[in-house]
Amino acid sequence: MAKNYDDQSLLRRYLLNQLTGDEQEKLEQRLMADDKLFEQVPAAEDELIDQYLADLLSKEEEEMFEKHFLATPERQQKLRFGKALQKYVTTHASPAPKKNLTQSEGASGSHSAWAWPQFLSASPLRAAASVVLILVAGLGVWRVFFYQSDVDKGLVALNAAYQDQRPLEARITQLNYAPFVALRGTEPPNVNEAERQRAELTLLDALNKAPTPFIRHALGKVYLAKNDFDRAKAQFEEALRSDSNNPLIYADLGAAYLEKGKREIERGKSDKSTLETGKGLEDLGRSLENLSKALSLRPGLLEALFNRALCNQYLMLLDQAEGDWREYLKLDSTSRWAEEAQKNLLRLQEQKSQTSATSDKLWQEFRSAYETRNDEAAWLLVRRSRTRAGNLIVETLLDEYLTDATGGRREEAIEKLQRVSYVGKLEEDRVGDSFTSDLAEFYGLATGEELVSLAGARSQMKLANEHFNKGEFEHAIEGYSRARTSFAQKGDIPEALFAESWVGYSRLRIPQTKESAELFEKLSETFAAHKYGSLLAQSLHALADAQSSLNEFSKALDY
């Protein structure tokens, strides 16, 4: 008896989404194997609905009931039936004799023990009506207890198809845990093809009968599992037209963009002549937006949090990825998914440690090369430290120069600026790039007041970079635009142009593809005129990505 009570309590918490990740996984495994436990689910659902209608749930339980329990159309239908039944009984039940009622009985209204007998005995006509009502109720109970929707059938088949090995590194909502194995070459996936086909055909048939957002979402999951990302995205996006605040759909749309972006980046690495890397980064940015949207609608949604951590990791946003993995493990610390999260967190920490050690080593080696005037070694280090966000060595030297110059440490400041000039001369001599030498010349002529303003502009750039790295591209555009204006007002043309290029990168991610293409076309001409070779190469690549996106958009319009 105690075990039965524990199971009922467990099912109640399960239906209200109050279990931990590990508890939920274990219960779902029991439900698959234990028919008696599975048969208790409809009764637990009915009891929750009755308590909701009778206002017997706590405020927290009521919120969980409305947000999670009513996520399926079948339960919504049961609730509507319960409300109709309650209304009918309340309307037709005879008033109770007040002298026989206690205060608690009176508060329960139509749920009191005497209401139904009086209702049945009031008149032959009413008794006949009650028989019809009971038959209708019986039909409703039969549908709930024994009827399984096409969405349920499709998702059961999808889980069966991938019970031994999941198809993606990312999580698909409502897909049970299975290990992920990265396949190589033509190695076939470990999938029950008959069950996968059953899932797809069941949901396609259901879609033809009634194209609801629930069915489109479920069908999109099948396409996502098949790595058919474009068809998956099409179903998710169509579902969102009718169900625009569904966090589960945003989570799966984010997963589709994540997996598509990963594959495009891999293809770009193997074939440098393609534009796949740029497309991949754009898709990862869209993944980040959709996953963040899912989490804004439902904080703590495990699938979305797991996938956002992966997305940040692939975007090399290591601090954000670490934060997401830690948050995930707070919410789910014992499931098989948590084991993967823990492994990813450990790998990430090792990567950050190696990156930090590499940066320190790079800086020490540059100092040694500069002091000995080993131009060959210094040039190799300068090339290694070049990123789209700027040259790490030059950026560090400029920050230190501004700190020393505005802090009254004149000799130390001069030494830092001489090193910037040294890097600039190396770049001019080796590749004809004037960007760093122009920077060194400008900073050498700037007044103390101007240096304070420049330090503020560089801080604005760093803040904008943080917004960009978080996928907050509108905020990034505002920050880069302010920094560009500040640099331009002081006559700092190199950094003003650099800030403007980041406005273009942000627009490309939103995407404002046309505006981005126009901006990079203008910047390419300007960079060429100033002999800013590195920035010219980056702007040409971004322009090609933007034009490619425009071509794809034009094809879609033609279609």
Protein backbone atom coordinates (compact mmCIF):
# COMPACT_ATOMS: atom_id res chain seq x y z
CA MET A 1 0.00 0.00 0.00
CA ALA A 2 2.87 2.36 0.86
CA LYS A 3 4.50 1.61 -2.49
CA ASN A 4 1.26 2.42 -4.31
CA TYR A 5 1.02 5.74 -2.47
CA ASP A 6 4.64 6.54 -3.32
CA ASP A 7 3.96 5.79 -6.98
CA GLN A 8 0.92 8.05 -6.98
CA SER A 9 2.96 10.86 -5.44
CA LEU A 10 5.73 10.28 -7.98
CA LEU A 11 3.28 10.35 -10.90
CA ARG A 12 1.69 13.53 -9.57
CA ARG A 13 5.10 15.27 -9.39
CA TYR A 14 5.95 13.89 -12.84
CA LEU A 15 2.79 15.34 -14.37
CA LEU A 16 3.53 18.70 -12.76
CA ASN A 17 7.15 18.63 -14.00
CA GLN A 18 8.51 18.67 -10.44
CA LEU A 19 10.96 15.76 -10.78
CA THR A 20 14.70 16.14 -11.20
CA GLY A 21 16.22 15.00 -14.47
CA ASP A 22 17.38 11.72 -12.95
CA GLU A 23 14.01 11.01 -11.28
CA GLN A 24 12.18 11.72 -14.52
CA GLU A 25 14.44 9.43 -16.55
CA LYS A 26 14.06 6.56 -14.06
CA LEU A 27 10.27 6.95 -13.92
CA GLU A 28 9.97 6.99 -17.71
CA GLN A 29 12.00 3.80 -17.88
CA ARG A 30 9.63 2.21 -15.34
CA LEU A 31 6.60 3.37 -17.32
CA MET A 32 7.97 1.65 -20.41
CA ALA A 33 8.48 -1.63 -18.54
CA ASP A 34 5.71 -1.68 -15.92
CA ASP A 35 2.20 -1.96 -17.40
CA LYS A 36 0.50 -1.60 -14.01
CA LEU A 37 2.32 1.66 -13.30
CA PHE A 38 1.53 2.91 -16.80
CA GLU A 39 -2.17 2.20 -16.24
CA GLN A 40 -2.12 4.54 -13.21
CA VAL A 41 -1.20 7.57 -15.35
CA PRO A 42 -4.73 8.40 -16.62
CA ALA A 43 -6.10 8.16 -13.08
CA ALA A 44 -3.39 10.52 -11.85
CA GLU A 45 -4.24 12.93 -14.67
CA ASP A 46 -7.95 12.80 -13.80
CA GLU A 47 -7.22 13.44 -10.13
CA LEU A 48 -5.12 16.51 -10.97
CA ILE A 49 -7.86 17.87 -13.24
CA ASP A 50 -10.49 17.32 -10.53
CA GLN A 51 -8.34 19.10 -7.95
CA TYR A 52 -7.67 21.98 -10.37
CA LEU A 53 -11.37 22.41 -11.06
CA ALA A 54 -12.14 22.29 -7.34
CA ASP A 55 -9.41 24.89 -6.56
CA LEU A 56 -7.57 22.39 -4.38
CA LEU A 57 -4.09 22.93 -5.89
CA SER A 58 -1.55 25.26 -4.32
CA LYS A 59 -0.59 28.39 -6.25
CA GLU A 60 2.70 26.78 -7.33
CA GLU A 61 0.93 23.57 -8.39
CA GLU A 62 -1.65 25.56 -10.30
CA GLU A 63 1.10 27.37 -12.24
CA MET A 64 2.86 24.09 -13.07
CA PHE A 65 -0.50 22.55 -14.06
CA GLU A 66 -1.24 25.36 -16.52
CA LYS A 67 2.30 25.63 -17.89
CA HIS A 68 3.36 21.97 -18.12
CA PHE A 69 0.44 19.60 -17.59
CA LEU A 70 -1.72 21.29 -20.24
CA ALA A 71 1.06 21.15 -22.86
CA THR A 72 -0.72 18.38 -24.83
CA PRO A 73 -4.02 18.71 -26.71
CA GLU A 74 -5.33 15.49 -25.12
CA ARG A 75 -5.08 16.90 -21.61
CA GLN A 76 -6.60 20.18 -22.73
CA GLN A 77 -9.51 18.16 -24.12
CA LYS A 78 -9.89 16.33 -20.81
CA LEU A 79 -9.95 19.63 -18.96
CA ARG A 80 -12.63 21.01 -21.29
CA PHE A 81 -14.69 17.86 -20.72
CA GLY A 82 -14.27 18.20 -16.96
CA LYS A 83 -15.35 21.83 -17.04
CA ALA A 84 -18.42 20.98 -19.14
CA LEU A 85 -19.36 18.16 -16.78
CA GLN A 86 -18.88 20.39 -13.73
CA LYS A 87 -20.99 23.13 -15.31
CA TYR A 88 -23.77 20.72 -16.25
CA VAL A 89 -23.94 19.19 -12.77
CA THR A 90 -23.77 22.58 -11.06
CA THR A 91 -26.54 23.96 -13.27
CA HIS A 92 -28.94 21.03 -12.86
CA ALA A 93 -28.31 19.89 -9.28
CA SER A 94 -31.03 20.78 -6.74
CA PRO A 95 -30.11 23.10 -3.89
CA ALA A 96 -29.09 21.27 -0.76
CA PRO A 97 -30.98 21.61 2.52
CA LYS A 98 -28.92 24.12 4.46
CA LYS A 99 -29.51 22.47 7.80
CA ASN A 100 -27.68 19.30 6.66
CA LEU A 101 -24.56 21.13 5.45
CA THR A 102 -21.40 21.75 7.38
CA GLN A 103 -19.24 24.69 6.37
CA SER A 104 -16.77 22.47 4.51
CA GLU A 105 -19.54 20.66 2.64
CA GLY A 106 -21.10 23.92 1.55
CA ALA A 107 -17.78 25.16 0.19
CA SER A 108 -17.45 22.16 -2.10
CA GLY A 109 -20.60 23.04 -4.08
CA SER A 110 -21.48 20.51 -6.74
CA HIS A 111 -18.91 18.02 -5.44
CA SER A 112 -21.05 17.30 -2.30
CA ALA A 113 -22.24 13.75 -1.70
CA TRP A 114 -25.98 14.46 -1.99
CA ALA A 115 -25.94 16.32 -5.32
CA TRP A 116 -25.88 13.31 -7.67
CA PRO A 117 -28.65 11.19 -5.98
CA GLN A 118 -31.02 14.17 -5.92
CA PHE A 119 -30.15 14.97 -9.52
CA LEU A 120 -30.94 11.41 -10.63
CA SER A 121 -34.25 11.17 -8.72
CA ALA A 122 -35.63 14.62 -9.50
CA SER A 123 -37.64 13.60 -12.60
CA PRO A 124 -37.78 10.87 -15.27
CA LEU A 125 -36.65 13.35 -17.91
CA ARG A 126 -33.67 14.47 -15.85
CA ALA A 127 -32.82 10.86 -15.02
CA ALA A 128 -32.81 10.02 -18.73
CA ALA A 129 -30.58 13.00 -19.40
CA SER A 130 -28.22 11.81 -16.71
CA VAL A 131 -27.88 8.42 -18.40
CA VAL A 132 -26.88 10.16 -21.63
CA LEU A 133 -24.39 12.29 -19.69
CA ILE A 134 -22.86 9.22 -18.05
CA LEU A 135 -22.53 7.52 -21.45
CA VAL A 136 -20.80 10.59 -22.85
CA ALA A 137 -18.52 10.66 -19.81
CA GLY A 138 -17.77 6.99 -20.36
CA LEU A 139 -16.80 7.69 -23.96
CA GLY A 140 -14.52 10.52 -22.81
CA VAL A 141 -12.87 8.26 -20.25
CA TRP A 142 -12.43 5.54 -22.88
CA ARG A 143 -10.68 8.00 -25.20
CA VAL A 144 -8.39 9.21 -22.46
CA PHE A 145 -7.57 5.78 -21.03
CA PHE A 146 -7.14 3.82 -24.24
CA TYR A 147 -6.86 6.28 -27.12
CA GLN A 148 -3.37 7.32 -28.21
CA SER A 149 -3.02 10.34 -30.49
CA ASP A 150 -1.01 10.27 -33.71
CA VAL A 151 1.54 12.60 -32.10
CA ASP A 152 1.96 10.14 -29.22
CA LYS A 153 2.31 7.22 -31.64
CA GLY A 154 4.83 9.09 -33.74
CA LEU A 155 6.99 10.11 -30.77
CA VAL A 156 6.87 6.60 -29.27
CA ALA A 157 8.11 5.22 -32.61
CA LEU A 158 10.80 7.91 -32.83
CA ASN A 159 12.09 7.01 -29.36
CA ALA A 160 12.09 3.33 -30.32
CA ALA A 161 14.04 4.11 -33.50
CA TYR A 162 16.90 5.76 -31.59
CA GLN A 163 16.86 3.89 -28.29
CA ASP A 164 20.41 2.51 -28.75
CA GLN A 165 22.13 5.57 -30.23
CA ARG A 166 20.85 9.11 -30.60
CA PRO A 167 21.24 10.77 -34.00
CA LEU A 168 22.60 14.16 -32.90
CA GLU A 169 24.94 15.59 -30.30
CA ALA A 170 22.23 18.14 -29.49
CA ARG A 171 19.12 17.17 -27.53
CA ILE A 172 15.71 16.84 -29.17
CA THR A 173 12.85 17.59 -26.80
CA GLN A 174 11.02 14.52 -25.46
CA LEU A 175 13.62 12.16 -26.95
CA ASN A 176 14.94 9.77 -24.31
CA TYR A 177 18.63 9.50 -23.52
CA ALA A 178 20.85 7.38 -25.75
CA PRO A 179 24.61 7.75 -26.24
CA PHE A 180 25.89 9.87 -29.12
CA VAL A 181 28.58 8.45 -31.40
CA ALA A 182 30.24 10.68 -34.01
CA LEU A 183 30.16 8.68 -37.25
CA ARG A 184 33.02 8.64 -39.73
CA GLY A 185 32.77 8.51 -43.48
CA THR A 186 30.04 6.21 -44.75
CA GLU A 187 29.53 4.44 -41.43
CA PRO A 188 25.75 3.78 -41.08
CA PRO A 189 23.89 5.10 -38.02
CA ASN A 190 22.54 2.67 -35.44
CA VAL A 191 18.83 3.23 -36.02
CA ASN A 192 15.72 1.04 -36.17
CA GLU A 193 14.69 2.10 -39.66
CA ALA A 194 11.27 0.46 -39.48
CA GLU A 195 10.36 2.47 -36.37
CA ARG A 196 11.75 5.66 -37.86
CA GLN A 197 9.64 5.18 -40.98
CA ARG A 198 6.62 4.39 -38.82
CA ALA A 199 7.10 7.68 -36.97
CA GLU A 200 7.41 9.69 -40.19
CA LEU A 201 4.45 8.04 -41.98
CA THR A 202 2.20 8.30 -38.91
CA LEU A 203 2.88 12.02 -38.55
CA LEU A 204 2.65 12.75 -42.28
CA ASP A 205 -0.76 11.07 -42.34
CA ALA A 206 -1.81 13.09 -39.29
CA LEU A 207 -0.55 16.29 -40.91
CA ASN A 208 -2.69 15.65 -43.99
CA LYS A 209 -5.76 15.24 -41.77
CA ALA A 210 -5.13 18.22 -39.47
CA PRO A 211 -2.00 20.41 -39.83
CA THR A 212 -1.82 21.52 -36.19
CA PRO A 213 1.32 23.03 -34.61
CA PHE A 214 1.61 19.96 -32.35
CA ILE A 215 1.81 17.64 -35.37
CA ARG A 216 4.20 19.95 -37.25
CA HIS A 217 6.48 20.11 -34.21
CA ALA A 218 6.52 16.32 -33.88
CA LEU A 219 7.18 15.83 -37.62
CA GLY A 220 9.98 18.39 -37.45
CA LYS A 221 11.63 16.25 -34.75
CA VAL A 222 11.59 13.27 -37.12
CA TYR A 223 13.28 15.32 -39.85
CA LEU A 224 15.78 16.67 -37.32
CA ALA A 225 16.67 13.14 -36.24
CA LYS A 226 17.19 12.26 -39.94
CA ASN A 227 19.61 15.22 -40.30
CA ASP A 228 17.18 16.78 -42.78
CA PHE A 229 17.66 20.19 -41.21
CA ASP A 230 15.92 22.36 -43.79
CA ARG A 231 12.69 20.34 -43.66
CA ALA A 232 12.89 20.26 -39.86
CA LYS A 233 13.28 24.05 -39.69
CA ALA A 234 10.37 24.51 -42.10
CA GLN A 235 8.05 22.48 -39.83
CA PHE A 236 9.22 24.23 -36.65
CA GLU A 237 8.86 27.69 -38.16
CA GLU A 238 5.39 26.89 -39.48
CA ALA A 239 4.39 25.55 -36.05
CA LEU A 240 5.57 28.79 -34.43
CA ARG A 241 3.20 30.79 -36.64
CA SER A 242 0.30 29.34 -34.65
CA ASP A 243 2.09 28.67 -31.37
CA SER A 244 4.56 31.54 -31.07
CA ASN A 245 5.26 31.16 -27.34
CA ASN A 246 6.07 27.44 -27.24
CA PRO A 247 9.56 27.06 -25.72
CA LEU A 248 9.88 23.44 -26.87
CA ILE A 249 9.57 24.44 -30.54
CA TYR A 250 12.20 27.18 -30.12
CA ALA A 251 14.48 24.64 -28.42
CA ASP A 252 14.21 22.21 -31.34
CA LEU A 253 14.59 24.97 -33.93
CA GLY A 254 17.77 26.00 -32.11
CA ALA A 255 18.99 22.39 -32.23
CA ALA A 256 18.38 22.28 -36.00
CA TYR A 257 20.41 25.45 -36.59
CA LEU A 258 23.15 24.15 -34.26
CA GLU A 259 23.61 20.85 -36.08
CA LYS A 260 23.37 22.47 -39.52
CA GLY A 261 25.96 25.08 -38.54
CA LYS A 262 28.37 22.45 -37.22
CA ARG A 263 28.29 20.53 -40.49
CA GLU A 264 28.75 23.67 -42.60
CA ILE A 265 31.82 24.65 -40.59
CA GLU A 266 33.29 21.15 -41.03
CA ARG A 267 32.76 21.34 -44.79
CA GLY A 268 34.36 24.78 -44.83
CA LYS A 269 37.45 23.42 -43.07
CA SER A 270 37.91 20.68 -45.65
CA ASP A 271 37.22 22.94 -48.67
CA LYS A 272 38.59 26.46 -48.22
CA SER A 273 37.10 27.59 -51.55
CA THR A 274 33.53 27.33 -50.23
CA LEU A 275 31.62 29.83 -48.09
CA GLU A 276 30.36 27.14 -45.74
CA THR A 277 32.28 28.40 -42.71
CA GLY A 278 30.57 31.79 -42.89
CA LYS A 279 27.16 30.15 -43.30
CA GLY A 280 27.93 27.86 -40.38
CA LEU A 281 28.77 30.73 -38.06
CA GLU A 282 25.59 32.51 -39.13
CA ASP A 283 23.53 29.39 -38.35
CA LEU A 284 25.20 29.00 -34.96
CA GLY A 285 24.24 32.62 -34.23
CA ARG A 286 20.61 31.83 -35.12
CA SER A 287 20.77 28.74 -32.94
CA LEU A 288 21.89 30.89 -30.03
CA GLU A 289 18.97 33.28 -30.56
CA ASN A 290 16.34 30.51 -30.63
CA LEU A 291 17.76 28.65 -27.64
CA SER A 292 17.89 31.87 -25.63
CA LYS A 293 14.28 32.56 -26.64
CA ALA A 294 13.26 29.10 -25.39
CA LEU A 295 14.97 29.75 -22.05
CA SER A 296 13.35 33.17 -21.72
CA LEU A 297 9.95 31.50 -22.11
CA ARG A 298 10.79 28.61 -19.80
CA PRO A 299 13.87 29.16 -17.60
CA GLY A 300 15.54 25.87 -16.77
CA LEU A 301 14.35 24.00 -19.89
CA LEU A 302 17.01 21.30 -19.87
CA GLU A 303 17.11 20.56 -23.60
CA ALA A 304 17.54 24.23 -24.47
CA LEU A 305 20.19 24.80 -21.79
CA PHE A 306 22.16 21.71 -22.87
CA ASN A 307 22.08 22.81 -26.51
CA ARG A 308 22.98 26.43 -25.75
CA ALA A 309 26.06 25.26 -23.86
CA LEU A 310 27.07 23.22 -26.93
CA CYS A 311 26.40 26.18 -29.24
CA ASN A 312 28.51 28.56 -27.14
CA GLN A 313 31.26 25.95 -27.11
CA TYR A 314 31.31 25.72 -30.93
CA LEU A 315 31.28 29.52 -31.18
CA MET A 316 34.34 29.53 -28.88
CA LEU A 317 32.44 31.57 -26.30
CA LEU A 318 34.11 29.60 -23.57
CA ASP A 319 33.00 31.65 -20.56
CA GLN A 320 29.35 31.57 -21.66
CA ALA A 321 29.55 27.84 -22.38
CA GLU A 322 31.05 27.17 -18.95
CA GLY A 323 28.25 29.18 -17.31
CA ASP A 324 25.58 27.19 -19.15
CA TRP A 325 27.13 23.80 -18.25
CA ARG A 326 27.33 24.79 -14.59
CA GLU A 327 23.70 25.97 -14.63
CA TYR A 328 22.65 22.72 -16.28
CA LEU A 329 24.37 20.62 -13.62
CA LYS A 330 22.59 22.59 -10.89
CA LEU A 331 19.26 21.52 -12.38
CA ASP A 332 20.25 17.98 -13.39
CA SER A 333 23.22 16.42 -11.63
CA THR A 334 22.62 12.66 -11.79
CA SER A 335 21.12 11.65 -15.16
CA ARG A 336 23.01 10.28 -18.16
CA TRP A 337 22.61 13.69 -19.77
CA ALA A 338 24.33 15.18 -16.72
CA GLU A 339 27.28 12.81 -17.24
CA GLU A 340 27.75 14.23 -20.73
CA ALA A 341 27.40 17.77 -19.43
CA GLN A 342 30.09 17.08 -16.81
CA LYS A 343 32.46 15.68 -19.47
CA ASN A 344 31.90 18.73 -21.67
CA LEU A 345 32.58 21.05 -18.74
CA LEU A 346 35.86 19.28 -17.95
CA ARG A 347 36.98 19.46 -21.59
CA LEU A 348 36.05 23.12 -21.67
CA GLN A 349 38.06 23.90 -18.56
CA GLU A 350 41.08 22.10 -20.03
CA GLN A 351 40.67 24.08 -23.26
CA LYS A 352 40.51 27.38 -21.37
CA SER A 353 43.58 26.44 -19.35
CA GLN A 354 45.50 25.56 -22.52
CA THR A 355 44.35 28.80 -24.21
CA SER A 356 45.50 30.86 -21.24
CA ALA A 357 48.84 29.06 -21.12
CA THR A 358 49.26 29.54 -24.88
CA SER A 359 48.52 33.28 -24.60
CA ASP A 360 51.03 33.70 -21.77
CA LYS A 361 53.65 31.76 -23.71
CA LEU A 362 52.95 33.79 -26.86
CA TRP A 363 53.39 37.05 -24.95
CA GLN A 364 56.63 35.94 -23.26
CA GLU A 365 58.08 34.76 -26.56
CA PHE A 366 57.21 38.06 -28.25
CA ARG A 367 58.90 40.05 -25.48
CA SER A 368 62.03 37.96 -25.91
CA ALA A 369 61.99 38.34 -29.71
CA TYR A 370 61.48 42.11 -29.41
CA GLU A 371 64.30 42.57 -26.89
CA THR A 372 66.74 40.60 -29.05
CA ARG A 373 65.34 42.10 -32.27
CA ASN A 374 64.77 38.63 -33.69
CA ASP A 375 62.49 39.88 -36.49
CA GLU A 376 61.83 36.44 -37.94
CA ALA A 377 60.62 34.98 -34.65
CA ALA A 378 58.66 38.14 -33.80
CA TRP A 379 56.88 38.07 -37.19
CA LEU A 380 55.82 34.45 -36.73
CA LEU A 381 54.38 35.32 -33.32
CA VAL A 382 52.54 38.39 -34.68
CA ARG A 383 50.95 36.24 -37.39
CA ARG A 384 49.88 33.62 -34.84
CA SER A 385 48.23 36.24 -32.65
CA ARG A 386 46.04 37.69 -35.44
CA THR A 387 42.28 37.15 -35.03
CA ARG A 388 39.18 38.79 -36.48
CA ALA A 389 38.83 40.62 -33.15
CA GLY A 390 42.26 42.19 -33.68
CA ASN A 391 45.88 41.25 -33.11
CA LEU A 392 46.18 39.96 -29.54
CA ILE A 393 49.71 41.32 -29.10
CA VAL A 394 48.82 44.79 -30.42
CA GLU A 395 45.56 44.96 -28.44
CA THR A 396 47.38 44.06 -25.22
CA LEU A 397 50.12 46.64 -25.87
CA LEU A 398 47.60 49.42 -26.60
CA ASP A 399 45.63 48.68 -23.42
CA GLU A 400 48.82 48.76 -21.37
CA TYR A 401 49.96 51.95 -23.13
CA LEU A 402 46.69 53.73 -22.28
CA THR A 403 46.87 52.55 -18.66
CA ASP A 404 50.43 53.82 -18.27
CA ALA A 405 49.90 57.07 -20.23
CA THR A 406 46.75 58.13 -18.37
CA GLY A 407 48.31 57.03 -15.08
CA GLY A 408 51.34 59.31 -15.43
CA ARG A 409 53.88 56.50 -16.13
CA ARG A 410 55.44 58.19 -19.14
CA GLU A 411 58.52 55.99 -19.62
CA GLU A 412 56.55 52.74 -19.39
CA ALA A 413 54.00 54.16 -21.84
CA ILE A 414 56.70 55.09 -24.36
CA GLU A 415 58.12 51.57 -24.16
CA LYS A 416 54.70 50.02 -24.94
CA LEU A 417 54.15 52.33 -27.90
CA GLN A 418 57.60 51.52 -29.29
CA ARG A 419 56.61 47.85 -29.32
CA VAL A 420 53.40 48.69 -31.22
CA SER A 421 55.53 50.64 -33.76
CA TYR A 422 57.83 47.62 -34.05
CA VAL A 423 54.89 45.36 -34.93
CA GLY A 424 53.63 47.95 -37.40
CA LYS A 425 57.00 48.08 -39.18
CA LEU A 426 57.12 44.28 -39.40
CA GLU A 427 53.66 44.23 -41.00
CA GLU A 428 54.55 46.98 -43.49
CA ASP A 429 57.85 45.33 -44.47
CA ARG A 430 56.47 41.79 -44.75
CA VAL A 431 52.98 42.22 -46.24
CA GLY A 432 52.52 45.94 -46.89
CA ASP A 433 49.82 46.31 -44.20
CA SER A 434 49.70 49.83 -42.71
CA PHE A 435 47.00 49.32 -40.06
CA THR A 436 49.22 48.89 -36.98
CA SER A 437 51.78 51.51 -38.06
CA ASP A 438 48.96 54.04 -38.56
CA LEU A 439 47.66 53.18 -35.08
CA ALA A 440 51.09 53.69 -33.51
CA GLU A 441 51.52 57.03 -35.28
CA PHE A 442 48.09 58.27 -34.20
CA TYR A 443 48.50 57.25 -30.54
CA GLY A 444 51.96 58.85 -30.46
CA LEU A 445 50.45 62.24 -31.41
CA ALA A 446 47.32 62.05 -29.22
CA THR A 447 46.99 64.43 -26.25
CA GLY A 448 46.29 63.28 -22.70
CA GLU A 449 42.62 64.29 -22.96
CA GLU A 450 42.27 62.42 -26.25
CA LEU A 451 43.81 59.29 -24.72
CA VAL A 452 41.19 59.29 -21.97
CA SER A 453 38.44 59.43 -24.63
CA LEU A 454 40.13 56.68 -26.65
CA ALA A 455 40.29 54.46 -23.58
CA GLY A 456 36.52 54.94 -23.20
CA ALA A 457 35.93 54.08 -26.86
CA ARG A 458 37.98 50.89 -26.54
CA SER A 459 35.91 49.97 -23.48
CA GLN A 460 32.77 50.44 -25.59
CA MET A 461 34.24 48.03 -28.15
CA LYS A 462 34.87 45.41 -25.46
CA LEU A 463 31.30 45.75 -24.15
CA ALA A 464 29.94 45.45 -27.69
CA ASN A 465 32.08 42.32 -28.15
CA GLU A 466 30.42 40.79 -25.10
CA HIS A 467 26.97 41.47 -26.60
CA PHE A 468 28.11 39.97 -29.91
CA ASN A 469 29.45 36.85 -28.20
CA LYS A 470 26.12 36.37 -26.40
CA GLY A 471 24.19 36.66 -29.66
CA GLU A 472 22.75 40.07 -28.67
CA PHE A 473 23.46 41.57 -32.07
CA GLU A 474 21.16 44.60 -31.85
CA HIS A 475 22.93 45.72 -28.65
CA ALA A 476 26.29 44.96 -30.29
CA ILE A 477 25.45 47.24 -33.23
CA GLU A 478 24.63 50.08 -30.81
CA GLY A 479 27.93 49.59 -28.96
CA TYR A 480 30.09 49.35 -32.09
CA SER A 481 28.36 52.42 -33.56
CA ARG A 482 29.08 54.48 -30.45
CA ALA A 483 32.72 53.35 -30.43
CA ARG A 484 33.06 54.17 -34.15
CA THR A 485 31.72 57.69 -33.54
CA SER A 486 34.10 58.22 -30.61
CA PHE A 487 37.14 57.04 -32.59
CA ALA A 488 36.19 59.17 -35.61
CA GLN A 489 35.70 62.32 -33.51
CA LYS A 490 39.29 62.01 -32.24
CA GLY A 491 40.67 61.32 -35.73
CA ASP A 492 41.43 57.64 -35.02
CA ILE A 493 40.62 56.41 -38.53
CA PRO A 494 42.01 52.83 -38.17
CA GLU A 495 39.91 51.95 -35.14
CA ALA A 496 36.85 53.81 -36.45
CA LEU A 497 36.93 51.63 -39.58
CA PHE A 498 37.55 48.53 -37.49
CA ALA A 499 34.48 49.30 -35.33
CA GLU A 500 32.41 49.85 -38.47
CA SER A 501 33.41 46.42 -39.78
CA TRP A 502 31.96 44.90 -36.60
CA VAL A 503 28.69 46.70 -37.26
CA GLY A 504 28.70 44.77 -40.54
CA TYR A 505 29.43 41.42 -38.85
CA SER A 506 26.55 42.03 -36.44
CA ARG A 507 24.15 42.90 -39.25
CA LEU A 508 25.15 39.73 -41.06
CA ARG A 509 24.13 37.71 -38.02
CA ILE A 510 20.67 39.29 -37.47
CA PRO A 511 20.50 38.87 -40.48
CA GLN A 512 20.33 42.24 -42.25
CA THR A 513 22.09 40.72 -45.23
CA LYS A 514 21.51 43.50 -47.75
CA GLU A 515 22.72 46.24 -45.39
CA SER A 516 25.74 44.12 -44.41
CA ALA A 517 26.69 43.51 -48.06
CA GLU A 518 26.47 47.23 -48.87
CA LEU A 519 28.59 48.15 -45.86
CA PHE A 520 31.34 45.61 -46.59
CA GLU A 521 31.43 46.62 -50.25
CA LYS A 522 32.17 50.20 -49.13
CA LEU A 523 34.63 49.07 -46.45
CA SER A 524 36.55 46.85 -48.88
CA GLU A 525 37.30 49.89 -51.05
CA THR A 526 38.33 51.95 -48.00
CA PHE A 527 40.58 49.22 -46.56
CA ALA A 528 42.26 48.80 -49.94
CA ALA A 529 42.87 52.56 -50.19
CA HIS A 530 44.46 52.65 -46.71
CA LYS A 531 46.49 49.48 -47.35
CA TYR A 532 44.84 47.65 -44.45
CA GLY A 533 45.47 44.18 -45.87
CA SER A 534 44.26 42.01 -42.99
CA LEU A 535 40.99 43.94 -42.62
CA LEU A 536 40.54 43.93 -46.40
CA ALA A 537 40.74 40.12 -46.48
CA GLN A 538 38.21 39.83 -43.66
CA SER A 539 35.81 42.29 -45.26
CA LEU A 540 35.99 40.49 -48.62
CA HIS A 541 35.18 37.20 -46.90
CA ALA A 542 32.25 38.80 -45.05
CA LEU A 543 31.05 40.40 -48.30
CA ALA A 544 31.11 37.00 -50.01
CA ASP A 545 29.10 35.50 -47.15
CA ALA A 546 26.56 38.33 -47.33
CA GLN A 547 26.21 38.03 -51.11
CA SER A 548 25.82 34.27 -50.80
CA SER A 549 23.01 34.77 -48.28
CA LEU A 550 21.38 37.27 -50.62
CA ASN A 551 21.53 34.74 -53.47
CA GLU A 552 19.97 32.07 -51.27
CA PHE A 553 17.23 34.52 -50.28
CA SER A 554 16.57 35.33 -53.94
CA LYS A 555 16.25 31.63 -54.77
CA ALA A 556 13.76 31.21 -51.95
CA LEU A 557 11.69 34.10 -53.32
CA ASP A 558 11.76 32.60 -56.82
CA TYR A 559 10.67 29.26 -55.41
